[in-house]
C-alpha atoms as a PDB file:
ATOM      1  CA  MET A   1     107.738 -45.155 165.713  1.00  0.00           C
ATOM      2  CA  LEU A   2     106.009 -43.160 162.997  1.00  0.00           C
ATOM      3  CA  LYS A   3     105.543 -46.484 160.697  1.00  0.00           C
ATOM      4  CA  LEU A   4     104.429 -48.984 163.249  1.00  0.00           C
ATOM      5  CA  LEU A   5     101.366 -46.325 164.616  1.00  0.00           C
ATOM      6  CA  ALA A   6     100.719 -45.756 160.315  1.00  0.00           C
ATOM      7  CA  GLU A   7     100.372 -49.579 161.098  1.00  0.00           C
ATOM      8  CA  GLN A   8      98.120 -49.744 163.389  1.00  0.00           C
ATOM      9  CA  GLN A   9      95.962 -47.263 161.188  1.00  0.00           C
ATOM     10  CA  GLY A  10      95.710 -48.982 157.882  1.00  0.00           C
ATOM     11  CA  GLY A  11      98.742 -46.906 157.103  1.00  0.00           C
ATOM     12  CA  VAL A  12      97.819 -43.522 157.148  1.00  0.00           C
ATOM     13  CA  PHE A  13      99.340 -40.981 159.888  1.00  0.00           C
ATOM     14  CA  SER A  14      98.720 -37.299 160.428  1.00  0.00           C
ATOM     15  CA  ARG A  15     100.504 -34.283 159.709  1.00  0.00           C
ATOM     16  CA  GLN A  16     100.820 -33.802 163.753  1.00  0.00           C
ATOM     17  CA  GLN A  17     101.511 -36.888 164.438  1.00  0.00           C
ATOM     18  CA  ALA A  18     105.064 -37.370 161.953  1.00  0.00           C
ATOM     19  CA  ILE A  19     105.724 -34.239 163.601  1.00  0.00           C
ATOM     20  CA  SER A  20     105.667 -35.564 167.025  1.00  0.00           C
ATOM     21  CA  GLY A  21     107.302 -38.347 165.325  1.00  0.00           C
ATOM     22  CA  GLY A  22     110.688 -36.823 164.278  1.00  0.00           C
ATOM     23  CA  TYR A  23     109.919 -35.005 161.166  1.00  0.00           C
ATOM     24  CA  THR A  24     110.418 -31.298 160.885  1.00  0.00           C
ATOM     25  CA  ALA A  25     107.883 -29.418 158.979  1.00  0.00           C
ATOM     26  CA  LYS A  26     110.233 -29.332 156.046  1.00  0.00           C
ATOM     27  CA  GLN A  27     110.720 -33.149 155.512  1.00  0.00           C
ATOM     28  CA  VAL A  28     106.848 -33.382 155.722  1.00  0.00           C
ATOM     29  CA  ARG A  29     107.129 -30.943 152.017  1.00  0.00           C
ATOM     30  CA  SER A  30     109.730 -32.737 150.867  1.00  0.00           C
ATOM     31  CA  ARG A  31     107.979 -36.122 150.832  1.00  0.00           C
ATOM     32  CA  LEU A  32     104.638 -34.862 149.443  1.00  0.00           C
ATOM     33  CA  ASP A  33     106.831 -33.684 147.329  1.00  0.00           C
ATOM     34  CA  ASP A  34     108.413 -36.067 146.314  1.00  0.00           C
ATOM     35  CA  GLY A  35     105.715 -38.668 145.446  1.00  0.00           C
ATOM     36  CA  ARG A  36     107.663 -40.901 148.665  1.00  0.00           C
ATOM     37  CA  TRP A  37     104.303 -39.952 150.690  1.00  0.00           C
ATOM     38  CA  VAL A  38     100.744 -39.267 149.676  1.00  0.00           C
ATOM     39  CA  ARG A  39      97.623 -36.554 150.852  1.00  0.00           C
ATOM     40  CA  ILE A  40      94.790 -39.130 151.221  1.00  0.00           C
ATOM     41  CA  ARG A  41      92.853 -35.953 152.514  1.00  0.00           C
ATOM     42  CA  HIS A  42      94.034 -32.373 154.436  1.00  0.00           C
ATOM     43  CA  GLY A  43      96.987 -33.557 157.164  1.00  0.00           C
ATOM     44  CA  GLN A  44      96.820 -36.973 156.349  1.00  0.00           C
ATOM     45  CA  TYR A  45      99.071 -39.023 154.779  1.00  0.00           C
ATOM     46  CA  ALA A  46     100.192 -42.444 153.876  1.00  0.00           C
ATOM     47  CA  GLU A  47     103.768 -44.152 151.799  1.00  0.00           C
ATOM     48  CA  GLN A  48     103.658 -44.241 148.422  1.00  0.00           C
ATOM     49  CA  GLN A  49     101.265 -47.966 147.196  1.00  0.00           C
ATOM     50  CA  ASP A  50     102.310 -49.438 144.044  1.00  0.00           C
ATOM     51  CA  LEU A  51      98.316 -51.169 143.673  1.00  0.00           C
ATOM     52  CA  SER A  52      98.697 -51.746 140.163  1.00  0.00           C
ATOM     53  CA  ALA A  53      98.732 -55.333 139.674  1.00  0.00           C
ATOM     54  CA  LEU A  54      95.500 -55.479 141.872  1.00  0.00           C
ATOM     55  CA  GLU A  55      92.317 -56.506 140.245  1.00  0.00           C
ATOM     56  CA  PRO A  56      90.074 -53.207 140.019  1.00  0.00           C
ATOM     57  CA  TRP A  57      87.930 -53.859 143.052  1.00  0.00           C
ATOM     58  CA  VAL A  58      90.578 -55.136 145.447  1.00  0.00           C
ATOM     59  CA  ARG A  59      93.424 -51.238 144.614  1.00  0.00           C
ATOM     60  CA  ILE A  60      89.478 -49.649 145.151  1.00  0.00           C
ATOM     61  CA  ARG A  61      88.977 -51.695 148.476  1.00  0.00           C
ATOM     62  CA  GLN A  62      92.718 -50.420 149.762  1.00  0.00           C
ATOM     63  CA  GLU A  63      92.485 -46.953 148.141  1.00  0.00           C
ATOM     64  CA  HIS A  64      89.380 -46.683 150.353  1.00  0.00           C
ATOM     65  CA  ARG A  65      90.348 -47.931 153.075  1.00  0.00           C
ATOM     66  CA  ARG A  66      93.025 -45.666 153.568  1.00  0.00           C
ATOM     67  CA  MET A  67      90.614 -43.128 153.048  1.00  0.00           C
ATOM     68  CA  VAL A  68      88.510 -44.100 155.583  1.00  0.00           C
ATOM     69  CA  HIS A  69      91.567 -44.502 158.490  1.00  0.00           C
ATOM     70  CA  ALA A  70      91.782 -40.657 157.553  1.00  0.00           C
ATOM     71  CA  VAL A  71      88.495 -39.573 158.330  1.00  0.00           C
ATOM     72  CA  VAL A  72      88.760 -41.235 161.239  1.00  0.00           C
ATOM     73  CA  ASN A  73      91.719 -40.696 162.380  1.00  0.00           C
ATOM     74  CA  SER A  74      91.101 -37.333 162.052  1.00  0.00           C
ATOM     75  CA  TRP A  75      87.466 -36.838 164.221  1.00  0.00           C
ATOM     76  CA  ARG A  76      86.221 -37.937 167.443  1.00  0.00           C
ATOM     77  CA  ARG A  77      86.564 -42.050 167.595  1.00  0.00           C
ATOM     78  CA  SER A  78      83.651 -42.195 169.350  1.00  0.00           C
ATOM     79  CA  ALA A  79      81.079 -40.393 167.746  1.00  0.00           C
ATOM     80  CA  ILE A  80      81.360 -42.601 164.591  1.00  0.00           C
ATOM     81  CA  ALA A  81      81.115 -45.498 163.321  1.00  0.00           C
ATOM     82  CA  VAL A  82      82.444 -46.447 160.103  1.00  0.00           C
ATOM     83  CA  SER A  83      79.172 -47.995 158.241  1.00  0.00           C
ATOM     84  CA  HIS A  84      77.163 -48.520 154.991  1.00  0.00           C
ATOM     85  CA  GLN A  85      80.144 -49.464 151.447  1.00  0.00           C
ATOM     86  CA  SER A  86      82.940 -48.089 154.052  1.00  0.00           C
ATOM     87  CA  ALA A  87      82.471 -50.873 156.714  1.00  0.00           C
ATOM     88  CA  LEU A  88      82.469 -53.719 153.729  1.00  0.00           C
ATOM     89  CA  ALA A  89      86.112 -52.106 152.569  1.00  0.00           C
ATOM     90  CA  VAL A  90      87.341 -52.838 156.617  1.00  0.00           C
ATOM     91  CA  HIS A  91      86.004 -55.733 156.390  1.00  0.00           C
ATOM     92  CA  GLY A  92      87.595 -57.304 153.242  1.00  0.00           C
ATOM     93  CA  LEU A  93      84.452 -57.709 151.281  1.00  0.00           C
ATOM     94  CA  PRO A  94      84.498 -57.164 147.525  1.00  0.00           C
ATOM     95  CA  LEU A  95      83.172 -53.743 146.292  1.00  0.00           C
ATOM     96  CA  TRP A  96      82.480 -53.884 143.132  1.00  0.00           C
ATOM     97  CA  GLY A  97      79.666 -51.732 141.799  1.00  0.00           C
ATOM     98  CA  LEU A  98      79.443 -49.341 144.471  1.00  0.00           C
ATOM     99  CA  ASP A  99      79.873 -45.950 145.075  1.00  0.00           C
ATOM    100  CA  LEU A 100      83.262 -45.200 147.273  1.00  0.00           C
ATOM    101  CA  LEU A 101      82.951 -40.943 146.846  1.00  0.00           C
ATOM    102  CA  GLN A 102      82.621 -40.304 149.950  1.00  0.00           C
ATOM    103  CA  VAL A 103      83.373 -41.781 153.357  1.00  0.00           C
ATOM    104  CA  HIS A 104      79.935 -43.123 154.848  1.00  0.00           C
ATOM    105  CA  VAL A 105      79.675 -42.860 158.906  1.00  0.00           C
ATOM    106  CA  THR A 106      77.121 -43.511 161.577  1.00  0.00           C
ATOM    107  CA  ARG A 107      76.707 -41.092 164.017  1.00  0.00           C
ATOM    108  CA  LEU A 108      76.914 -42.379 167.518  1.00  0.00           C
ATOM    109  CA  ASP A 109      76.597 -39.234 168.980  1.00  0.00           C
ATOM    110  CA  ASP A 110      72.763 -36.724 169.305  1.00  0.00           C
ATOM    111  CA  LEU A 111      74.056 -34.939 166.251  1.00  0.00           C
ATOM    112  CA  THR A 112      72.212 -34.620 162.785  1.00  0.00           C
ATOM    113  CA  GLY A 113      72.854 -36.341 159.118  1.00  0.00           C
ATOM    114  CA  GLY A 114      74.645 -34.799 156.327  1.00  0.00           C
ATOM    115  CA  THR A 115      77.685 -34.978 154.261  1.00  0.00           C
ATOM    116  CA  VAL A 116      80.349 -32.697 155.324  1.00  0.00           C
ATOM    117  CA  SER A 117      84.367 -32.750 153.521  1.00  0.00           C
ATOM    118  CA  GLY A 118      83.328 -35.801 151.721  1.00  0.00           C
ATOM    119  CA  VAL A 119      81.951 -37.981 154.622  1.00  0.00           C
ATOM    120  CA  ARG A 120      78.636 -39.158 154.541  1.00  0.00           C
ATOM    121  CA  HIS A 121      77.064 -38.647 158.250  1.00  0.00           C
ATOM    122  CA  HIS A 122      73.871 -41.742 158.589  1.00  0.00           C
ATOM    123  CA  VAL A 123      72.087 -41.037 161.753  1.00  0.00           C
ATOM    124  CA  GLY A 124      70.233 -44.716 162.713  1.00  0.00           C
ATOM    125  CA  LYS A 125      69.781 -46.879 165.318  1.00  0.00           C
ATOM    126  CA  LEU A 126      72.504 -48.968 165.998  1.00  0.00           C
ATOM    127  CA  ALA A 127      71.889 -51.937 168.041  1.00  0.00           C
ATOM    128  CA  GLU A 128      75.432 -53.516 170.360  1.00  0.00           C
ATOM    129  CA  SER A 129      75.213 -56.700 167.960  1.00  0.00           C
ATOM    130  CA  ASP A 130      75.479 -54.331 164.979  1.00  0.00           C
ATOM    131  CA  LEU A 131      78.863 -52.597 166.145  1.00  0.00           C
ATOM    132  CA  THR A 132      82.473 -54.137 166.030  1.00  0.00           C
ATOM    133  CA  GLU A 133      85.338 -53.107 165.829  1.00  0.00           C
ATOM    134  CA  VAL A 134      88.215 -53.879 162.581  1.00  0.00           C
ATOM    135  CA  GLU A 135      91.949 -52.433 162.144  1.00  0.00           C
ATOM    136  CA  GLY A 136      91.528 -50.158 165.563  1.00  0.00           C
ATOM    137  CA  LEU A 137      87.891 -49.136 164.002  1.00  0.00           C
ATOM    138  CA  THR A 138      84.213 -48.752 165.090  1.00  0.00           C
ATOM    139  CA  ALA A 139      82.229 -49.941 162.349  1.00  0.00           C
ATOM    140  CA  THR A 140      79.054 -51.660 161.937  1.00  0.00           C
ATOM    141  CA  SER A 141      79.128 -55.446 161.697  1.00  0.00           C
ATOM    142  CA  VAL A 142      79.294 -57.354 158.181  1.00  0.00           C
ATOM    143  CA  ALA A 143      75.815 -58.232 157.989  1.00  0.00           C
ATOM    144  CA  ARG A 144      74.606 -54.638 159.366  1.00  0.00           C
ATOM    145  CA  ALA A 145      77.333 -53.470 156.891  1.00  0.00           C
ATOM    146  CA  VAL A 146      75.349 -55.641 153.727  1.00  0.00           C
ATOM    147  CA  PHE A 147      72.016 -54.846 154.819  1.00  0.00           C
ATOM    148  CA  GLU A 148      72.790 -50.778 154.949  1.00  0.00           C
ATOM    149  CA  THR A 149      74.519 -50.863 151.152  1.00  0.00           C
ATOM    150  CA  ALA A 150      72.313 -53.274 149.633  1.00  0.00           C
ATOM    151  CA  CYS A 151      69.180 -50.951 150.644  1.00  0.00           C
ATOM    152  CA  THR A 152      70.716 -48.301 148.252  1.00  0.00           C
ATOM    153  CA  THR A 153      72.484 -49.599 145.630  1.00  0.00           C
ATOM    154  CA  SER A 154      71.396 -52.051 142.514  1.00  0.00           C
ATOM    155  CA  PHE A 155      69.813 -56.119 143.017  1.00  0.00           C
ATOM    156  CA  GLU A 156      73.448 -56.553 140.851  1.00  0.00           C
ATOM    157  CA  VAL A 157      75.449 -54.417 143.188  1.00  0.00           C
ATOM    158  CA  ALA A 158      73.563 -55.722 146.075  1.00  0.00           C
ATOM    159  CA  VAL A 159      74.454 -59.781 144.613  1.00  0.00           C
ATOM    160  CA  VAL A 160      77.555 -58.961 144.516  1.00  0.00           C
ATOM    161  CA  SER A 161      77.966 -57.990 148.441  1.00  0.00           C
ATOM    162  CA  LEU A 162      75.759 -61.082 149.842  1.00  0.00           C
ATOM    163  CA  ASP A 163      77.497 -64.058 147.886  1.00  0.00           C
ATOM    164  CA  ALA A 164      81.164 -62.809 149.064  1.00  0.00           C
ATOM    165  CA  ALA A 165      79.517 -62.671 152.922  1.00  0.00           C
ATOM    166  CA  LEU A 166      77.617 -65.990 152.789  1.00  0.00           C
ATOM    167  CA  ARG A 167      80.615 -67.700 150.843  1.00  0.00           C
ATOM    168  CA  ASP A 168      82.646 -66.560 153.851  1.00  0.00           C
ATOM    169  CA  ARG A 169      79.792 -67.237 156.423  1.00  0.00           C
ATOM    170  CA  LEU A 170      80.155 -63.829 158.019  1.00  0.00           C
ATOM    171  CA  ILE A 171      76.487 -63.826 158.321  1.00  0.00           C
ATOM    172  CA  SER A 172      74.055 -65.858 160.329  1.00  0.00           C
ATOM    173  CA  SER A 173      70.776 -67.491 159.689  1.00  0.00           C
ATOM    174  CA  ASP A 174      70.094 -64.838 162.864  1.00  0.00           C
ATOM    175  CA  ASP A 175      71.415 -61.814 161.122  1.00  0.00           C
ATOM    176  CA  ILE A 176      69.704 -62.262 158.716  1.00  0.00           C
ATOM    177  CA  VAL A 177      66.410 -62.467 160.045  1.00  0.00           C
ATOM    178  CA  ARG A 178      67.270 -59.369 162.792  1.00  0.00           C
ATOM    179  CA  LEU A 179      67.801 -57.235 159.781  1.00  0.00           C
ATOM    180  CA  LEU A 180      65.376 -58.224 157.952  1.00  0.00           C
ATOM    181  CA  ASP A 181      62.993 -57.066 160.483  1.00  0.00           C
ATOM    182  CA  VAL A 182      64.821 -54.284 161.340  1.00  0.00           C
ATOM    183  CA  THR A 183      65.090 -52.522 157.499  1.00  0.00           C
ATOM    184  CA  GLU A 184      61.496 -54.163 157.081  1.00  0.00           C
ATOM    185  CA  PHE A 185      60.287 -50.002 155.945  1.00  0.00           C
ATOM    186  CA  TRP A 186      63.561 -48.751 154.921  1.00  0.00           C
ATOM    187  CA  PRO A 187      63.587 -47.349 151.103  1.00  0.00           C
ATOM    188  CA  GLY A 188      65.560 -49.982 148.889  1.00  0.00           C
ATOM    189  CA  SER A 189      64.568 -52.605 151.658  1.00  0.00           C
ATOM    190  CA  ALA A 190      62.666 -54.903 148.947  1.00  0.00           C
ATOM    191  CA  THR A 191      65.838 -55.071 147.202  1.00  0.00           C
ATOM    192  CA  VAL A 192      67.785 -56.627 149.984  1.00  0.00           C
ATOM    193  CA  ARG A 193      64.836 -59.017 150.049  1.00  0.00           C
ATOM    194  CA  ALA A 194      65.385 -60.100 146.643  1.00  0.00           C
ATOM    195  CA  ALA A 195      69.039 -60.159 146.550  1.00  0.00           C
ATOM    196  CA  LEU A 196      68.385 -62.857 149.891  1.00  0.00           C
ATOM    197  CA  GLY A 197      66.293 -64.492 148.012  1.00  0.00           C
ATOM    198  CA  PHE A 198      68.841 -64.882 145.005  1.00  0.00           C
ATOM    199  CA  SER A 199      71.864 -65.157 147.171  1.00  0.00           C
ATOM    200  CA  ASP A 200      74.488 -67.896 146.512  1.00  0.00           C
ATOM    201  CA  ALA A 201      77.538 -69.115 148.737  1.00  0.00           C
ATOM    202  CA  ARG A 202      78.681 -71.450 145.892  1.00  0.00           C
ATOM    203  CA  SER A 203      79.300 -68.046 144.112  1.00  0.00           C
ATOM    204  CA  GLU A 204      82.945 -67.926 143.995  1.00  0.00           C
ATOM    205  CA  SER A 205      84.477 -64.689 142.624  1.00  0.00           C
ATOM    206  CA  VAL A 206      82.523 -61.612 141.434  1.00  0.00           C
ATOM    207  CA  GLY A 207      82.317 -62.521 137.962  1.00  0.00           C
ATOM    208  CA  GLU A 208      80.671 -65.288 138.702  1.00  0.00           C
ATOM    209  CA  SER A 209      77.686 -63.499 141.008  1.00  0.00           C
ATOM    210  CA  ARG A 210      77.611 -60.843 137.957  1.00  0.00           C
ATOM    211  CA  LEU A 211      77.058 -63.472 135.471  1.00  0.00           C
ATOM    212  CA  ARG A 212      74.715 -65.553 137.815  1.00  0.00           C
ATOM    213  CA  VAL A 213      72.743 -62.264 137.906  1.00  0.00           C
ATOM    214  CA  LEU A 214      73.313 -61.775 134.007  1.00  0.00           C
ATOM    215  CA  LEU A 215      71.924 -65.063 132.632  1.00  0.00           C
ATOM    216  CA  HIS A 216      69.006 -64.481 135.462  1.00  0.00           C
ATOM    217  CA  ASN A 217      68.019 -61.058 133.836  1.00  0.00           C
ATOM    218  CA  HIS A 218      68.174 -62.603 130.553  1.00  0.00           C
ATOM    219  CA  GLY A 219      65.371 -65.240 131.730  1.00  0.00           C
ATOM    220  CA  LEU A 220      67.472 -68.931 131.854  1.00  0.00           C
ATOM    221  CA  PRO A 221      67.099 -70.994 133.616  1.00  0.00           C
ATOM    222  CA  ALA A 222      68.946 -71.869 137.248  1.00  0.00           C
ATOM    223  CA  PRO A 223      72.477 -73.734 136.681  1.00  0.00           C
ATOM    224  CA  VAL A 224      73.615 -75.842 139.326  1.00  0.00           C
ATOM    225  CA  LEU A 225      76.314 -74.036 140.746  1.00  0.00           C
ATOM    226  CA  GLN A 226      80.011 -76.247 141.236  1.00  0.00           C
ATOM    227  CA  TYR A 227      78.554 -79.349 140.035  1.00  0.00           C
ATOM    228  CA  GLU A 228      81.559 -81.589 140.236  1.00  0.00           C
ATOM    229  CA  PHE A 229      81.908 -84.393 136.747  1.00  0.00           C
ATOM    230  CA  HIS A 230      84.156 -87.173 136.939  1.00  0.00           C
ATOM    231  CA  ASP A 231      84.756 -90.197 134.214  1.00  0.00           C
ATOM    232  CA  ALA A 232      86.524 -93.587 133.852  1.00  0.00           C
ATOM    233  CA  ASN A 233      90.022 -91.868 134.887  1.00  0.00           C
ATOM    234  CA  GLY A 234      88.494 -89.816 138.293  1.00  0.00           C
ATOM    235  CA  PHE A 235      87.550 -86.324 139.057  1.00  0.00           C
ATOM    236  CA  VAL A 236      87.027 -84.297 135.153  1.00  0.00           C
ATOM    237  CA  ALA A 237      86.383 -80.882 136.892  1.00  0.00           C
ATOM    238  CA  ARG A 238      83.681 -78.413 139.155  1.00  0.00           C
ATOM    239  CA  VAL A 239      82.551 -76.539 136.661  1.00  0.00           C
ATOM    240  CA  ASP A 240      81.126 -72.650 138.043  1.00  0.00           C
ATOM    241  CA  PHE A 241      77.528 -73.275 136.255  1.00  0.00           C
ATOM    242  CA  TYR A 242      76.265 -76.702 135.051  1.00  0.00           C
ATOM    243  CA  PHE A 243      72.702 -76.487 133.043  1.00  0.00           C
ATOM    244  CA  PRO A 244      71.392 -80.351 133.928  1.00  0.00           C
ATOM    245  CA  GLU A 245      68.196 -80.314 131.466  1.00  0.00           C
ATOM    246  CA  PHE A 246      70.757 -79.074 128.534  1.00  0.00           C
ATOM    247  CA  HIS A 247      74.037 -80.221 128.976  1.00  0.00           C
ATOM    248  CA  THR A 248      75.752 -77.098 129.175  1.00  0.00           C
ATOM    249  CA  VAL A 249      78.287 -76.040 131.165  1.00  0.00           C
ATOM    250  CA  VAL A 250      79.479 -71.744 131.118  1.00  0.00           C
ATOM    251  CA  GLU A 251      82.562 -71.546 132.967  1.00  0.00           C
ATOM    252  CA  PHE A 252      83.501 -67.966 134.211  1.00  0.00           C
ATOM    253  CA  ASP A 253      87.968 -67.322 133.276  1.00  0.00           C
ATOM    254  CA  GLY A 254      87.769 -64.185 135.287  1.00  0.00           C
ATOM    255  CA  ARG A 255      92.450 -63.940 134.418  1.00  0.00           C
ATOM    256  CA  ALA A 256      91.138 -63.144 131.195  1.00  0.00           C
ATOM    257  CA  LYS A 257      91.270 -59.117 131.846  1.00  0.00           C
ATOM    258  CA  TYR A 258      94.337 -59.119 134.053  1.00  0.00           C
ATOM    259  CA  GLY A 259      96.780 -60.996 132.252  1.00  0.00           C
ATOM    260  CA  ASP A 260      97.052 -64.420 129.329  1.00  0.00           C
ATOM    261  CA  ALA A 261      97.588 -67.848 131.808  1.00  0.00           C
ATOM    262  CA  SER A 262     100.627 -69.902 131.294  1.00  0.00           C
ATOM    263  CA  ALA A 263     101.226 -72.331 128.239  1.00  0.00           C
ATOM    264  CA  ASP A 264     101.261 -74.681 130.996  1.00  0.00           C
ATOM    265  CA  VAL A 265      97.724 -73.345 132.507  1.00  0.00           C
ATOM    266  CA  LEU A 266      96.273 -73.526 128.991  1.00  0.00           C
ATOM    267  CA  VAL A 267      97.338 -76.820 127.811  1.00  0.00           C
ATOM    268  CA  ARG A 268      95.403 -78.227 131.376  1.00  0.00           C
ATOM    269  CA  GLU A 269      92.168 -76.242 130.778  1.00  0.00           C
ATOM    270  CA  LYS A 270      92.417 -77.507 126.504  1.00  0.00           C
ATOM    271  CA  ILE A 271      92.620 -81.641 128.696  1.00  0.00           C
ATOM    272  CA  ARG A 272      89.710 -80.806 131.421  1.00  0.00           C
ATOM    273  CA  GLU A 273      87.915 -79.292 128.020  1.00  0.00           C
ATOM    274  CA  ASP A 274      88.293 -82.299 126.278  1.00  0.00           C
ATOM    275  CA  ARG A 275      87.329 -84.393 129.268  1.00  0.00           C
ATOM    276  CA  LEU A 276      83.973 -82.360 129.764  1.00  0.00           C
ATOM    277  CA  ARG A 277      83.111 -82.835 125.570  1.00  0.00           C
ATOM    278  CA  ALA A 278      84.122 -86.473 125.979  1.00  0.00           C
ATOM    279  CA  LEU A 279      80.692 -86.535 128.629  1.00  0.00           C
ATOM    280  CA  GLY A 280      78.634 -85.263 126.140  1.00  0.00           C
ATOM    281  CA  LEU A 281      78.666 -81.762 127.443  1.00  0.00           C
ATOM    282  CA  GLN A 282      77.805 -78.675 126.120  1.00  0.00           C
ATOM    283  CA  VAL A 283      81.255 -76.228 126.819  1.00  0.00           C
ATOM    284  CA  VAL A 284      81.195 -72.366 127.233  1.00  0.00           C
ATOM    285  CA  ARG A 285      84.018 -70.246 128.417  1.00  0.00           C
ATOM    286  CA  SER A 286      82.734 -66.324 129.220  1.00  0.00           C
ATOM    287  CA  ASP A 287      85.061 -63.988 130.631  1.00  0.00           C
ATOM    288  CA  TRP A 288      84.504 -60.077 131.752  1.00  0.00           C
ATOM    289  CA  THR A 289      84.088 -58.622 128.545  1.00  0.00           C
ATOM    290  CA  ASP A 290      81.541 -60.187 128.252  1.00  0.00           C
ATOM    291  CA  PHE A 291      79.219 -57.903 130.111  1.00  0.00           C
ATOM    292  CA  ASN A 292      80.302 -55.000 127.563  1.00  0.00           C
ATOM    293  CA  ARG A 293      78.290 -57.326 124.771  1.00  0.00           C
ATOM    294  CA  PRO A 294      75.969 -59.899 127.310  1.00  0.00           C
ATOM    295  CA  ASP A 295      74.208 -60.740 123.848  1.00  0.00           C
ATOM    296  CA  LEU A 296      76.618 -62.188 122.184  1.00  0.00           C
ATOM    297  CA  LEU A 297      77.222 -64.850 125.351  1.00  0.00           C
ATOM    298  CA  LEU A 298      73.805 -65.009 125.302  1.00  0.00           C
ATOM    299  CA  ALA A 299      73.775 -66.143 121.773  1.00  0.00           C
ATOM    300  CA  ARG A 300      76.385 -69.105 122.329  1.00  0.00           C
ATOM    301  CA  ILE A 301      75.077 -70.444 125.145  1.00  0.00           C
ATOM    302  CA  HIS A 302      71.224 -70.404 123.543  1.00  0.00           C
ATOM    303  CA  GLN A 303      72.966 -71.972 120.680  1.00  0.00           C
ATOM    304  CA  ALA A 304      74.974 -74.763 122.674  1.00  0.00           C
ATOM    305  CA  PHE A 305      71.466 -75.712 124.321  1.00  0.00           C
ATOM    306  CA  ALA A 306      70.222 -76.379 120.801  1.00  0.00           C
ATOM    307  CA  ARG A 307      73.280 -78.239 120.001  1.00  0.00           C
ATOM    308  CA  SER A 308      72.302 -80.821 122.912  1.00  0.00           C
ATOM    309  CA  GLN A 309      68.467 -81.177 122.258  1.00  0.00           C
ATOM    310  CA  ARG A 310      69.283 -82.054 118.489  1.00  0.00           C
ATOM    311  CA  ALA A 311      72.537 -84.447 119.569  1.00  0.00           C
ATOM    312  CA  ALA A 312      69.659 -85.980 121.917  1.00  0.00           C
END
């Protein structure tokens, strides 16, 4: 019974729910002491989970999602809507670069905002179209959550969220028009507008979105995304970034930080890269480490540009 209830609440249950489900106070303490259960916040628990194999932003999203459910499970549900980055978490969007130390909610009653017990209470006027239900929670829509969050963060972080929402078709053009009007005079609205102008649904991952921002910030021309190449034998590859004026391809390898590829994968990638080079293309590979040493990546790209110009 308790397990079924927890599944309906993002894996979270309260002490009172555990007691009502047949556990004694001693059994609750025992399960917390031996690690079978973990305390999410005061009086709110969940079964232990091993999230170590997940990519960092997926792991963080799962952890924050449980915290969101724990907050709502201890509050009067009709009084709040999950919002900002906490809404992004329950909607399943990437949370790279966002501050997740607090759970964010927007008041649906007449009480004032502020921070209470690790929960940031926002006050704002929400239209009916701004609200939805997800995982049994009242939350702001994806579009509203993306705009709310983008107004409080950096251009790069906003692009990551917007790229993902556009890629998954979670924001419509009508949403954008309406929320641009709603947020016109909000602090941070300039960041939203800039990120919207730059965002692209063809960006397929957090890493690609971040790399695109990095290249843009260092003055490189805008690449063509997800460009397909063919040779006499047919399809060769769909590449992440293509700079046609420099006959240069930049590929982002998101696996490099989380585990080595198999031998078969490496062989296929070498064949693929050889076929691209045979088409007269320069190929530059990038991975997560390049965000810590962008100058080295930029030097490799400019060297590829120069080789292409010399070969022309």
